[in-house]
Amino acid sequence: MSNLPNCPKCQSEYTYEDRDVLVCPECGNEWKAGVEDESGNDPQVVKDAHGNVLQDGDTVTVIKDLKVKGSSSVVKIGTKVKNIRLVEGDHDIDCKIDGFGAMQLKSEFVKKA
């Protein structure tokens, strides 16, 4: 018998695997293997340019001059960004930078401070 986890909603032991998801035949819940939350979404893991895991509220440093879209301004290398917030999408960091205001950054251009 396979060693599948119980359903996170109803704790049924009769779960089965269907391609890359696990299914509970009793309540109809579907979730991805390895996901522990009940929402069924993958937990977001965002890493900086050096592979350090970032979290909401961290302080990061910009490691490359970044052009600001729609402006002639540049966010200079070494700029510290405090209290970041992680979001989904291509630009996965939402923040406010002094002198620029609210903007989004890609995690590949920052390092954890």
N, C-alpha and C. Protein backbone atom coordinates (compact mmCIF):
# COMPACT_ATOMS: atom_id res chain seq x y z
N MET A 1 0.85 -1.17 0.00
CA MET A 1 0.00 0.00 0.00
C MET A 1 0.89 1.24 0.00
N SER A 2 0.50 2.27 -0.75
CA SER A 2 1.31 3.49 -0.83
C SER A 2 1.16 4.30 0.46
N ASN A 3 2.11 5.18 0.68
CA ASN A 3 2.15 5.97 1.89
C ASN A 3 1.72 7.40 1.57
N LEU A 4 0.45 7.62 1.25
CA LEU A 4 -0.07 8.94 0.92
C LEU A 4 -0.59 9.62 2.18
N PRO A 5 -0.50 10.96 2.24
CA PRO A 5 -0.98 11.66 3.43
C PRO A 5 -2.51 11.69 3.49
N ASN A 6 -3.03 11.89 4.69
CA ASN A 6 -4.47 12.04 4.87
C ASN A 6 -4.93 13.36 4.26
N CYS A 7 -6.21 13.45 3.95
CA CYS A 7 -6.80 14.67 3.40
C CYS A 7 -6.67 15.80 4.43
N PRO A 8 -6.20 16.99 4.04
CA PRO A 8 -6.07 18.09 5.00
C PRO A 8 -7.41 18.66 5.45
N LYS A 9 -8.49 18.44 4.68
CA LYS A 9 -9.80 18.97 5.07
C LYS A 9 -10.55 18.03 6.01
N CYS A 10 -10.68 16.75 5.60
CA CYS A 10 -11.53 15.83 6.39
C CYS A 10 -10.73 14.72 7.07
N GLN A 11 -9.43 14.70 6.88
CA GLN A 11 -8.52 13.71 7.47
C GLN A 11 -8.79 12.27 7.01
N SER A 12 -9.43 12.12 5.86
CA SER A 12 -9.70 10.79 5.32
C SER A 12 -8.39 10.12 4.93
N GLU A 13 -8.30 8.83 5.16
CA GLU A 13 -7.08 8.09 4.81
C GLU A 13 -7.17 7.48 3.41
N TYR A 14 -8.30 7.66 2.73
CA TYR A 14 -8.50 7.03 1.43
C TYR A 14 -8.13 7.94 0.27
N THR A 15 -7.06 8.70 0.39
CA THR A 15 -6.62 9.58 -0.69
C THR A 15 -5.95 8.77 -1.79
N TYR A 16 -5.97 9.34 -2.99
CA TYR A 16 -5.27 8.71 -4.11
C TYR A 16 -4.62 9.79 -4.95
N GLU A 17 -3.67 9.36 -5.76
CA GLU A 17 -2.89 10.28 -6.58
C GLU A 17 -3.42 10.28 -8.01
N ASP A 18 -3.62 11.46 -8.57
CA ASP A 18 -4.06 11.62 -9.95
C ASP A 18 -3.12 12.61 -10.62
N ARG A 19 -2.16 12.09 -11.37
CA ARG A 19 -1.08 12.87 -12.00
C ARG A 19 -0.27 13.58 -10.92
N ASP A 20 -0.34 14.92 -10.86
CA ASP A 20 0.47 15.64 -9.86
C ASP A 20 -0.35 16.16 -8.68
N VAL A 21 -1.60 15.72 -8.55
CA VAL A 21 -2.42 16.14 -7.42
C VAL A 21 -2.89 14.94 -6.62
N LEU A 22 -3.19 15.18 -5.36
CA LEU A 22 -3.79 14.16 -4.51
C LEU A 22 -5.28 14.47 -4.39
N VAL A 23 -6.11 13.42 -4.36
CA VAL A 23 -7.56 13.59 -4.35
C VAL A 23 -8.15 12.81 -3.19
N CYS A 24 -9.14 13.42 -2.54
CA CYS A 24 -9.88 12.75 -1.48
C CYS A 24 -11.24 12.35 -2.04
N PRO A 25 -11.56 11.04 -2.08
CA PRO A 25 -12.84 10.61 -2.64
C PRO A 25 -14.03 10.92 -1.73
N GLU A 26 -13.78 11.19 -0.45
CA GLU A 26 -14.87 11.43 0.48
C GLU A 26 -15.39 12.87 0.43
N CYS A 27 -14.49 13.85 0.38
CA CYS A 27 -14.94 15.24 0.37
C CYS A 27 -14.69 15.94 -0.96
N GLY A 28 -13.91 15.30 -1.86
CA GLY A 28 -13.65 15.88 -3.17
C GLY A 28 -12.52 16.89 -3.18
N ASN A 29 -11.81 17.03 -2.09
CA ASN A 29 -10.71 17.98 -2.02
C ASN A 29 -9.55 17.52 -2.90
N GLU A 30 -8.92 18.48 -3.60
CA GLU A 30 -7.73 18.20 -4.40
C GLU A 30 -6.63 19.14 -3.95
N TRP A 31 -5.40 18.64 -3.84
CA TRP A 31 -4.26 19.45 -3.45
C TRP A 31 -3.00 18.85 -4.04
N LYS A 32 -1.97 19.70 -4.12
CA LYS A 32 -0.69 19.23 -4.66
C LYS A 32 0.10 18.53 -3.57
N ALA A 33 0.83 17.52 -3.96
CA ALA A 33 1.64 16.76 -3.01
C ALA A 33 2.69 17.68 -2.39
N GLY A 34 2.87 17.58 -1.09
CA GLY A 34 3.88 18.38 -0.39
C GLY A 34 3.35 19.71 0.11
N VAL A 35 2.13 20.11 -0.26
CA VAL A 35 1.57 21.37 0.20
C VAL A 35 0.84 21.11 1.50
N GLU A 36 1.16 21.89 2.51
CA GLU A 36 0.59 21.64 3.83
C GLU A 36 -0.59 22.53 4.15
N ASP A 37 -0.76 23.63 3.40
CA ASP A 37 -1.90 24.49 3.72
C ASP A 37 -3.15 23.99 3.02
N GLU A 38 -4.32 24.41 3.52
CA GLU A 38 -5.58 23.93 2.99
C GLU A 38 -6.01 24.66 1.73
N SER A 39 -5.32 25.75 1.35
CA SER A 39 -5.75 26.52 0.19
C SER A 39 -5.44 25.80 -1.11
N GLY A 40 -4.51 24.87 -1.10
CA GLY A 40 -4.16 24.14 -2.31
C GLY A 40 -3.14 24.86 -3.17
N ASN A 41 -2.68 26.02 -2.75
CA ASN A 41 -1.69 26.76 -3.51
C ASN A 41 -0.29 26.40 -3.03
N ASP A 42 0.67 26.45 -3.94
CA ASP A 42 2.04 26.21 -3.55
C ASP A 42 2.50 27.34 -2.63
N PRO A 43 3.19 27.02 -1.55
CA PRO A 43 3.74 28.09 -0.74
C PRO A 43 4.81 28.82 -1.55
N GLN A 44 4.75 30.14 -1.53
CA GLN A 44 5.65 30.93 -2.34
C GLN A 44 7.01 31.01 -1.67
N VAL A 45 8.05 30.57 -2.39
CA VAL A 45 9.41 30.66 -1.90
C VAL A 45 10.16 31.58 -2.86
N VAL A 46 10.57 32.74 -2.34
CA VAL A 46 11.28 33.72 -3.14
C VAL A 46 12.70 33.79 -2.62
N LYS A 47 13.66 33.68 -3.53
CA LYS A 47 15.07 33.73 -3.16
C LYS A 47 15.74 34.92 -3.82
N ASP A 48 16.74 35.47 -3.11
CA ASP A 48 17.49 36.59 -3.67
C ASP A 48 18.53 36.10 -4.66
N ALA A 49 19.38 36.98 -5.15
CA ALA A 49 20.38 36.63 -6.15
C ALA A 49 21.40 35.61 -5.64
N HIS A 50 21.58 35.50 -4.33
CA HIS A 50 22.54 34.58 -3.74
C HIS A 50 21.89 33.32 -3.18
N GLY A 51 20.59 33.17 -3.38
CA GLY A 51 19.90 31.96 -2.94
C GLY A 51 19.34 32.01 -1.54
N ASN A 52 19.40 33.16 -0.87
CA ASN A 52 18.82 33.30 0.46
C ASN A 52 17.31 33.46 0.34
N VAL A 53 16.56 32.80 1.21
CA VAL A 53 15.10 32.88 1.18
C VAL A 53 14.66 34.22 1.75
N LEU A 54 13.79 34.92 1.02
CA LEU A 54 13.27 36.21 1.44
C LEU A 54 11.90 36.03 2.08
N GLN A 55 11.58 36.91 3.03
CA GLN A 55 10.28 36.89 3.70
C GLN A 55 9.74 38.31 3.78
N ASP A 56 8.44 38.43 4.01
CA ASP A 56 7.84 39.75 4.18
C ASP A 56 8.53 40.48 5.33
N GLY A 57 8.80 41.77 5.12
CA GLY A 57 9.41 42.58 6.16
C GLY A 57 10.93 42.62 6.13
N ASP A 58 11.57 41.82 5.27
CA ASP A 58 13.03 41.81 5.17
C ASP A 58 13.54 43.13 4.59
N THR A 59 14.83 43.37 4.79
CA THR A 59 15.53 44.48 4.17
C THR A 59 16.47 43.89 3.12
N VAL A 60 16.45 44.47 1.92
CA VAL A 60 17.30 43.99 0.84
C VAL A 60 18.11 45.14 0.27
N THR A 61 19.18 44.79 -0.46
CA THR A 61 20.04 45.75 -1.11
C THR A 61 20.04 45.47 -2.60
N VAL A 62 19.92 46.51 -3.41
CA VAL A 62 19.93 46.37 -4.87
C VAL A 62 21.36 46.09 -5.31
N ILE A 63 21.56 45.07 -6.17
CA ILE A 63 22.91 44.67 -6.58
C ILE A 63 23.25 45.11 -8.01
N LYS A 64 22.35 45.87 -8.65
CA LYS A 64 22.58 46.31 -10.02
C LYS A 64 21.81 47.61 -10.23
N ASP A 65 22.37 48.54 -11.01
CA ASP A 65 21.61 49.74 -11.35
C ASP A 65 20.37 49.33 -12.13
N LEU A 66 19.21 49.81 -11.69
CA LEU A 66 17.94 49.44 -12.32
C LEU A 66 17.27 50.67 -12.88
N LYS A 67 16.96 50.64 -14.18
CA LYS A 67 16.22 51.73 -14.80
C LYS A 67 14.78 51.67 -14.34
N VAL A 68 14.21 52.85 -14.06
CA VAL A 68 12.82 52.93 -13.65
C VAL A 68 11.99 53.13 -14.90
N LYS A 69 11.08 52.20 -15.15
CA LYS A 69 10.27 52.24 -16.36
C LYS A 69 9.40 53.51 -16.37
N GLY A 70 9.39 54.20 -17.50
CA GLY A 70 8.60 55.42 -17.63
C GLY A 70 9.27 56.65 -17.06
N SER A 71 10.53 56.54 -16.72
CA SER A 71 11.26 57.66 -16.12
C SER A 71 12.72 57.60 -16.56
N SER A 72 13.40 58.71 -16.42
CA SER A 72 14.84 58.71 -16.73
C SER A 72 15.66 58.41 -15.48
N SER A 73 15.00 58.10 -14.38
CA SER A 73 15.68 57.82 -13.11
C SER A 73 16.26 56.41 -13.10
N VAL A 74 17.23 56.22 -12.20
CA VAL A 74 17.86 54.92 -12.00
C VAL A 74 17.96 54.64 -10.51
N VAL A 75 17.57 53.42 -10.10
CA VAL A 75 17.79 52.98 -8.73
C VAL A 75 19.23 52.47 -8.68
N LYS A 76 20.07 53.13 -7.92
CA LYS A 76 21.51 52.85 -7.91
C LYS A 76 21.85 51.57 -7.15
N ILE A 77 22.94 50.96 -7.54
CA ILE A 77 23.47 49.79 -6.85
C ILE A 77 23.75 50.17 -5.39
N GLY A 78 23.42 49.29 -4.47
CA GLY A 78 23.66 49.54 -3.05
C GLY A 78 22.49 50.19 -2.33
N THR A 79 21.42 50.52 -3.06
CA THR A 79 20.24 51.12 -2.43
C THR A 79 19.58 50.10 -1.50
N LYS A 80 19.35 50.51 -0.24
CA LYS A 80 18.68 49.62 0.71
C LYS A 80 17.18 49.83 0.64
N VAL A 81 16.47 48.71 0.60
CA VAL A 81 15.02 48.74 0.56
C VAL A 81 14.52 48.01 1.80
N LYS A 82 13.79 48.72 2.65
CA LYS A 82 13.32 48.16 3.91
C LYS A 82 11.87 47.71 3.79
N ASN A 83 11.53 46.74 4.61
CA ASN A 83 10.15 46.29 4.77
C ASN A 83 9.51 45.86 3.45
N ILE A 84 10.12 44.90 2.78
CA ILE A 84 9.58 44.42 1.51
C ILE A 84 8.35 43.56 1.74
N ARG A 85 7.56 43.41 0.69
CA ARG A 85 6.39 42.53 0.73
C ARG A 85 6.45 41.64 -0.50
N LEU A 86 6.29 40.35 -0.31
CA LEU A 86 6.37 39.40 -1.42
C LEU A 86 5.00 39.26 -2.08
N VAL A 87 5.00 39.30 -3.42
CA VAL A 87 3.78 39.16 -4.20
C VAL A 87 4.04 38.15 -5.31
N GLU A 88 2.97 37.67 -5.92
CA GLU A 88 3.12 36.74 -7.03
C GLU A 88 3.29 37.52 -8.33
N GLY A 89 4.00 36.91 -9.26
CA GLY A 89 4.18 37.54 -10.56
C GLY A 89 5.65 37.61 -10.92
N ASP A 90 5.92 38.23 -12.06
CA ASP A 90 7.28 38.36 -12.56
C ASP A 90 8.13 39.22 -11.62
N HIS A 91 7.59 40.35 -11.21
CA HIS A 91 8.25 41.20 -10.22
C HIS A 91 7.67 40.79 -8.88
N ASP A 92 8.45 40.03 -8.10
CA ASP A 92 7.89 39.39 -6.92
C ASP A 92 8.13 40.13 -5.60
N ILE A 93 8.67 41.34 -5.65
CA ILE A 93 8.87 42.14 -4.45
C ILE A 93 8.14 43.47 -4.62
N ASP A 94 7.28 43.80 -3.68
CA ASP A 94 6.56 45.06 -3.65
C ASP A 94 7.19 45.88 -2.54
N CYS A 95 7.55 47.14 -2.83
CA CYS A 95 8.26 47.93 -1.82
C CYS A 95 8.09 49.42 -2.08
N LYS A 96 8.60 50.21 -1.15
CA LYS A 96 8.69 51.65 -1.32
C LYS A 96 10.16 52.01 -1.20
N ILE A 97 10.66 52.76 -2.17
CA ILE A 97 12.06 53.18 -2.17
C ILE A 97 12.08 54.69 -1.97
N ASP A 98 12.88 55.14 -0.99
CA ASP A 98 12.99 56.57 -0.73
C ASP A 98 13.43 57.31 -1.99
N GLY A 99 12.71 58.37 -2.34
CA GLY A 99 13.03 59.15 -3.53
C GLY A 99 12.36 58.66 -4.80
N PHE A 100 11.77 57.45 -4.75
CA PHE A 100 11.11 56.90 -5.94
C PHE A 100 9.66 56.58 -5.67
N GLY A 101 9.33 56.15 -4.46
CA GLY A 101 7.97 55.77 -4.12
C GLY A 101 7.75 54.28 -4.26
N ALA A 102 6.49 53.90 -4.44
CA ALA A 102 6.13 52.49 -4.51
C ALA A 102 6.55 51.90 -5.85
N MET A 103 7.13 50.72 -5.81
CA MET A 103 7.51 50.02 -7.03
C MET A 103 7.68 48.54 -6.76
N GLN A 104 7.83 47.79 -7.84
CA GLN A 104 8.06 46.35 -7.74
C GLN A 104 9.43 46.02 -8.29
N LEU A 105 10.08 45.04 -7.65
CA LEU A 105 11.42 44.61 -8.05
C LEU A 105 11.42 43.12 -8.31
N LYS A 106 12.38 42.67 -9.11
CA LYS A 106 12.60 41.24 -9.29
C LYS A 106 13.61 40.80 -8.24
N SER A 107 13.36 39.64 -7.65
CA SER A 107 14.23 39.16 -6.58
C SER A 107 15.64 38.84 -7.07
N GLU A 108 15.82 38.62 -8.35
CA GLU A 108 17.15 38.30 -8.88
C GLU A 108 18.10 39.49 -8.88
N PHE A 109 17.59 40.71 -8.61
CA PHE A 109 18.42 41.91 -8.59
C PHE A 109 18.63 42.46 -7.19
N VAL A 110 18.33 41.67 -6.16
CA VAL A 110 18.54 42.11 -4.78
C VAL A 110 19.25 41.04 -3.99
N LYS A 111 19.86 41.45 -2.89
CA LYS A 111 20.41 40.50 -1.93
C LYS A 111 19.91 40.87 -0.56
N LYS A 112 19.75 39.86 0.29
CA LYS A 112 19.26 40.08 1.64
C LYS A 112 20.30 40.85 2.44
N ALA A 113 19.86 41.89 3.14
CA ALA A 113 20.79 42.72 3.90
C ALA A 113 20.98 42.18 5.30
